[in-house]
Amino acid sequence: MTPEQLQTYLHAHIPLSAAMQVHVDDVVDDHILLSAPLAPNINHRETVFGGSASALAILSAWSLLHVRLRKSDVAARLVIQSNRMEYLKPVAGTFAARSSLADAAQWPSFLRMLERRGRARAVVAADLLDSGEIAGRFEGEFVALGYGKD
């Protein structure tokens, strides 16, 4: 899936991503990089609203699993079960979230469990970035439901 295809998908199926003006910067096997401008995500202190920062991290993490499932020709619904967001510093401009599997070795067992039981869990981490510097950290547990070949 190209960055353009993922961005079109997100904007069409997750309207918040369009309202936030989320841009897909990079789609590769081991990470997804999304960014968003300050203006539609600003708070009363003229920095990025925490909910927007968290939403971008969740979108990045969800997108990583979505793209990897598609690449594996597996159709499944993805939902977030739990997450934790740590804010390290305020961000006063364009911000980004780069996601990766918390443990890359979990992917094969995730796919096997999904095929066998129709349900599997994966933990995804994301760094919240401000001009390339880490401004926050996210970790979320996602559940894939159902199993089918695309």
C-alpha atoms as a PDB file:
ATOM      1  CA  MET A   1       0.000   0.000   0.000  1.00  0.00           C
ATOM      2  CA  THR A   2       1.376   3.399  -0.956  1.00  0.00           C
ATOM      3  CA  PRO A   3       1.282   6.445   1.324  1.00  0.00           C
ATOM      4  CA  GLU A   4      -1.338   7.997  -0.977  1.00  0.00           C
ATOM      5  CA  GLN A   5      -3.562   4.892  -0.825  1.00  0.00           C
ATOM      6  CA  LEU A   6      -3.356   4.735   2.968  1.00  0.00           C
ATOM      7  CA  GLN A   7      -4.107   8.450   3.308  1.00  0.00           C
ATOM      8  CA  THR A   8      -7.148   8.146   1.035  1.00  0.00           C
ATOM      9  CA  TYR A   9      -8.346   5.147   3.056  1.00  0.00           C
ATOM     10  CA  LEU A  10      -7.900   6.918   6.403  1.00  0.00           C
ATOM     11  CA  HIS A  11      -9.656  10.088   5.271  1.00  0.00           C
ATOM     12  CA  ALA A  12     -12.580   8.097   3.815  1.00  0.00           C
ATOM     13  CA  HIS A  13     -13.029   5.594   6.664  1.00  0.00           C
ATOM     14  CA  ILE A  14     -11.815   7.520   9.714  1.00  0.00           C
ATOM     15  CA  PRO A  15     -13.189  11.065   9.251  1.00  0.00           C
ATOM     16  CA  LEU A  16     -11.241  12.409  12.225  1.00  0.00           C
ATOM     17  CA  SER A  17      -8.047  11.881  10.205  1.00  0.00           C
ATOM     18  CA  ALA A  18      -9.331  14.256   7.520  1.00  0.00           C
ATOM     19  CA  ALA A  19     -10.417  16.850  10.097  1.00  0.00           C
ATOM     20  CA  MET A  20      -6.952  16.668  11.672  1.00  0.00           C
ATOM     21  CA  GLN A  21      -5.397  16.975   8.170  1.00  0.00           C
ATOM     22  CA  VAL A  22      -3.367  13.812   8.719  1.00  0.00           C
ATOM     23  CA  HIS A  23      -0.739  13.187   6.062  1.00  0.00           C
ATOM     24  CA  VAL A  24       0.829   9.777   5.441  1.00  0.00           C
ATOM     25  CA  ASP A  25       4.562  10.381   5.075  1.00  0.00           C
ATOM     26  CA  ASP A  26       5.936   6.839   4.961  1.00  0.00           C
ATOM     27  CA  VAL A  27       4.628   3.273   4.673  1.00  0.00           C
ATOM     28  CA  VAL A  28       7.233   0.536   5.056  1.00  0.00           C
ATOM     29  CA  ASP A  29       7.226  -2.974   6.517  1.00  0.00           C
ATOM     30  CA  ASP A  30       8.485  -2.000   9.951  1.00  0.00           C
ATOM     31  CA  HIS A  31       6.854   1.397  10.477  1.00  0.00           C
ATOM     32  CA  ILE A  32       4.238   3.937   9.471  1.00  0.00           C
ATOM     33  CA  LEU A  33       4.913   7.671   9.727  1.00  0.00           C
ATOM     34  CA  LEU A  34       1.973  10.082   9.890  1.00  0.00           C
ATOM     35  CA  SER A  35       2.064  13.841  10.408  1.00  0.00           C
ATOM     36  CA  ALA A  36      -0.424  16.641  11.031  1.00  0.00           C
ATOM     37  CA  PRO A  37      -0.260  20.444  11.152  1.00  0.00           C
ATOM     38  CA  LEU A  38      -0.774  22.465  14.301  1.00  0.00           C
ATOM     39  CA  ALA A  39      -3.705  24.644  13.127  1.00  0.00           C
ATOM     40  CA  PRO A  40      -6.556  22.075  13.210  1.00  0.00           C
ATOM     41  CA  ASN A  41      -5.046  20.417  16.308  1.00  0.00           C
ATOM     42  CA  ILE A  42      -4.303  23.455  18.469  1.00  0.00           C
ATOM     43  CA  ASN A  43      -5.220  23.908  22.119  1.00  0.00           C
ATOM     44  CA  HIS A  44      -5.719  27.014  24.260  1.00  0.00           C
ATOM     45  CA  ARG A  45      -1.938  27.236  24.869  1.00  0.00           C
ATOM     46  CA  GLU A  46      -1.196  27.302  21.129  1.00  0.00           C
ATOM     47  CA  THR A  47       0.403  23.858  21.275  1.00  0.00           C
ATOM     48  CA  VAL A  48      -0.842  20.504  20.000  1.00  0.00           C
ATOM     49  CA  PHE A  49      -3.969  19.324  21.815  1.00  0.00           C
ATOM     50  CA  GLY A  50      -3.177  16.126  23.739  1.00  0.00           C
ATOM     51  CA  GLY A  51      -6.163  14.337  22.223  1.00  0.00           C
ATOM     52  CA  SER A  52      -4.853  15.078  18.733  1.00  0.00           C
ATOM     53  CA  ALA A  53      -1.394  13.801  19.654  1.00  0.00           C
ATOM     54  CA  SER A  54      -2.902  10.628  21.055  1.00  0.00           C
ATOM     55  CA  ALA A  55      -5.197  10.228  18.038  1.00  0.00           C
ATOM     56  CA  LEU A  56      -2.259  10.548  15.621  1.00  0.00           C
ATOM     57  CA  ALA A  57      -0.308   7.911  17.548  1.00  0.00           C
ATOM     58  CA  ILE A  58      -3.320   5.560  17.558  1.00  0.00           C
ATOM     59  CA  LEU A  59      -3.880   6.134  13.822  1.00  0.00           C
ATOM     60  CA  SER A  60      -0.233   5.383  13.110  1.00  0.00           C
ATOM     61  CA  ALA A  61      -0.297   2.190  15.189  1.00  0.00           C
ATOM     62  CA  TRP A  62      -3.628   1.033  13.740  1.00  0.00           C
ATOM     63  CA  SER A  63      -2.370   1.777  10.221  1.00  0.00           C
ATOM     64  CA  LEU A  64       0.722  -0.372  10.739  1.00  0.00           C
ATOM     65  CA  LEU A  65      -1.417  -3.410  11.558  1.00  0.00           C
ATOM     66  CA  HIS A  66      -3.907  -2.603   8.792  1.00  0.00           C
ATOM     67  CA  VAL A  67      -1.156  -2.409   6.159  1.00  0.00           C
ATOM     68  CA  ARG A  68       0.600  -5.553   7.406  1.00  0.00           C
ATOM     69  CA  LEU A  69      -2.656  -7.530   7.402  1.00  0.00           C
ATOM     70  CA  ARG A  70      -3.417  -6.369   3.852  1.00  0.00           C
ATOM     71  CA  LYS A  71       0.094  -7.321   2.740  1.00  0.00           C
ATOM     72  CA  SER A  72      -0.494 -10.783   4.252  1.00  0.00           C
ATOM     73  CA  ASP A  73      -3.842 -10.998   2.360  1.00  0.00           C
ATOM     74  CA  VAL A  74      -5.745 -11.292   5.641  1.00  0.00           C
ATOM     75  CA  ALA A  75      -9.082  -9.577   6.180  1.00  0.00           C
ATOM     76  CA  ALA A  76      -9.805  -8.761   9.821  1.00  0.00           C
ATOM     77  CA  ARG A  77     -11.371  -5.966  11.837  1.00  0.00           C
ATOM     78  CA  LEU A  78      -8.898  -4.098  14.019  1.00  0.00           C
ATOM     79  CA  VAL A  79      -9.889  -2.463  17.283  1.00  0.00           C
ATOM     80  CA  ILE A  80      -7.837  -0.895  20.030  1.00  0.00           C
ATOM     81  CA  GLN A  81      -8.230  -2.577  23.407  1.00  0.00           C
ATOM     82  CA  SER A  82      -6.011  -0.437  25.601  1.00  0.00           C
ATOM     83  CA  ASN A  83      -3.324   2.212  25.363  1.00  0.00           C
ATOM     84  CA  ARG A  84      -0.980   4.400  27.312  1.00  0.00           C
ATOM     85  CA  MET A  85       0.273   7.799  26.158  1.00  0.00           C
ATOM     86  CA  GLU A  86       3.143   9.641  27.786  1.00  0.00           C
ATOM     87  CA  TYR A  87       3.650  13.323  26.915  1.00  0.00           C
ATOM     88  CA  LEU A  88       7.259  14.440  27.335  1.00  0.00           C
ATOM     89  CA  LYS A  89       7.050  18.026  26.094  1.00  0.00           C
ATOM     90  CA  PRO A  90       4.599  20.424  24.451  1.00  0.00           C
ATOM     91  CA  VAL A  91       4.648  20.615  20.651  1.00  0.00           C
ATOM     92  CA  ALA A  92       4.091  23.974  18.972  1.00  0.00           C
ATOM     93  CA  GLY A  93       4.132  23.031  15.289  1.00  0.00           C
ATOM     94  CA  THR A  94       3.657  20.196  12.849  1.00  0.00           C
ATOM     95  CA  PHE A  95       3.850  16.886  14.685  1.00  0.00           C
ATOM     96  CA  ALA A  96       4.291  13.273  13.653  1.00  0.00           C
ATOM     97  CA  ALA A  97       3.847   9.726  14.936  1.00  0.00           C
ATOM     98  CA  ARG A  98       6.047   6.819  13.879  1.00  0.00           C
ATOM     99  CA  SER A  99       4.715   3.378  14.815  1.00  0.00           C
ATOM    100  CA  SER A 100       6.374  -0.026  14.977  1.00  0.00           C
ATOM    101  CA  LEU A 101       5.578  -3.377  16.519  1.00  0.00           C
ATOM    102  CA  ALA A 102       6.631  -3.388  20.168  1.00  0.00           C
ATOM    103  CA  ASP A 103       8.272  -6.751  19.401  1.00  0.00           C
ATOM    104  CA  ALA A 104       8.782  -7.600  15.721  1.00  0.00           C
ATOM    105  CA  ALA A 105       8.933 -11.297  16.613  1.00  0.00           C
ATOM    106  CA  GLN A 106       5.238 -11.244  17.619  1.00  0.00           C
ATOM    107  CA  TRP A 107       3.965 -10.970  14.009  1.00  0.00           C
ATOM    108  CA  PRO A 108       4.137 -14.669  12.956  1.00  0.00           C
ATOM    109  CA  SER A 109       2.399 -15.838  16.141  1.00  0.00           C
ATOM    110  CA  PHE A 110      -0.181 -13.032  15.762  1.00  0.00           C
ATOM    111  CA  LEU A 111      -1.069 -14.326  12.266  1.00  0.00           C
ATOM    112  CA  ARG A 112      -1.163 -17.957  13.438  1.00  0.00           C
ATOM    113  CA  MET A 113      -3.457 -17.097  16.359  1.00  0.00           C
ATOM    114  CA  LEU A 114      -5.730 -15.066  14.110  1.00  0.00           C
ATOM    115  CA  GLU A 115      -6.026 -17.937  11.640  1.00  0.00           C
ATOM    116  CA  ARG A 116      -6.538 -20.571  14.341  1.00  0.00           C
ATOM    117  CA  ARG A 117      -8.875 -18.734  16.711  1.00  0.00           C
ATOM    118  CA  GLY A 118     -10.236 -15.854  14.649  1.00  0.00           C
ATOM    119  CA  ARG A 119      -8.821 -13.396  17.188  1.00  0.00           C
ATOM    120  CA  ALA A 120      -5.327 -12.151  17.996  1.00  0.00           C
ATOM    121  CA  ARG A 121      -3.634  -9.361  19.945  1.00  0.00           C
ATOM    122  CA  ALA A 122      -0.631  -7.246  19.023  1.00  0.00           C
ATOM    123  CA  VAL A 123       1.184  -4.508  20.883  1.00  0.00           C
ATOM    124  CA  VAL A 124       2.261  -1.498  18.831  1.00  0.00           C
ATOM    125  CA  ALA A 125       4.459   1.375  19.985  1.00  0.00           C
ATOM    126  CA  ALA A 126       4.667   4.863  18.499  1.00  0.00           C
ATOM    127  CA  ASP A 127       6.909   7.830  19.061  1.00  0.00           C
ATOM    128  CA  LEU A 128       5.299  11.259  18.968  1.00  0.00           C
ATOM    129  CA  LEU A 129       7.747  13.502  17.111  1.00  0.00           C
ATOM    130  CA  ASP A 130       8.384  17.232  17.118  1.00  0.00           C
ATOM    131  CA  SER A 131      10.873  18.136  14.372  1.00  0.00           C
ATOM    132  CA  GLY A 132      12.302  14.617  14.600  1.00  0.00           C
ATOM    133  CA  GLU A 133      12.722  14.732  18.387  1.00  0.00           C
ATOM    134  CA  ILE A 134      10.673  12.479  20.646  1.00  0.00           C
ATOM    135  CA  ALA A 135       7.939  14.514  22.344  1.00  0.00           C
ATOM    136  CA  GLY A 136       5.864  11.581  23.592  1.00  0.00           C
ATOM    137  CA  ARG A 137       5.489   7.823  23.616  1.00  0.00           C
ATOM    138  CA  PHE A 138       2.489   5.620  22.930  1.00  0.00           C
ATOM    139  CA  GLU A 139       1.884   1.926  23.454  1.00  0.00           C
ATOM    140  CA  GLY A 140      -1.349   0.226  22.545  1.00  0.00           C
ATOM    141  CA  GLU A 141      -2.803  -3.255  22.436  1.00  0.00           C
ATOM    142  CA  PHE A 142      -4.900  -3.976  19.371  1.00  0.00           C
ATOM    143  CA  VAL A 143      -7.205  -6.899  18.689  1.00  0.00           C
ATOM    144  CA  ALA A 144      -7.820  -8.349  15.249  1.00  0.00           C
ATOM    145  CA  LEU A 145     -11.194 -10.039  14.906  1.00  0.00           C
ATOM    146  CA  GLY A 146     -12.296 -12.474  12.237  1.00  0.00           C
ATOM    147  CA  TYR A 147     -10.140 -14.096   9.647  1.00  0.00           C
ATOM    148  CA  GLY A 148     -10.450 -14.297   5.931  1.00  0.00           C
ATOM    149  CA  LYS A 149      -8.359 -14.013   2.815  1.00  0.00           C
ATOM    150  CA  ASP A 150      -8.765 -10.785   0.852  1.00  0.00           C
END
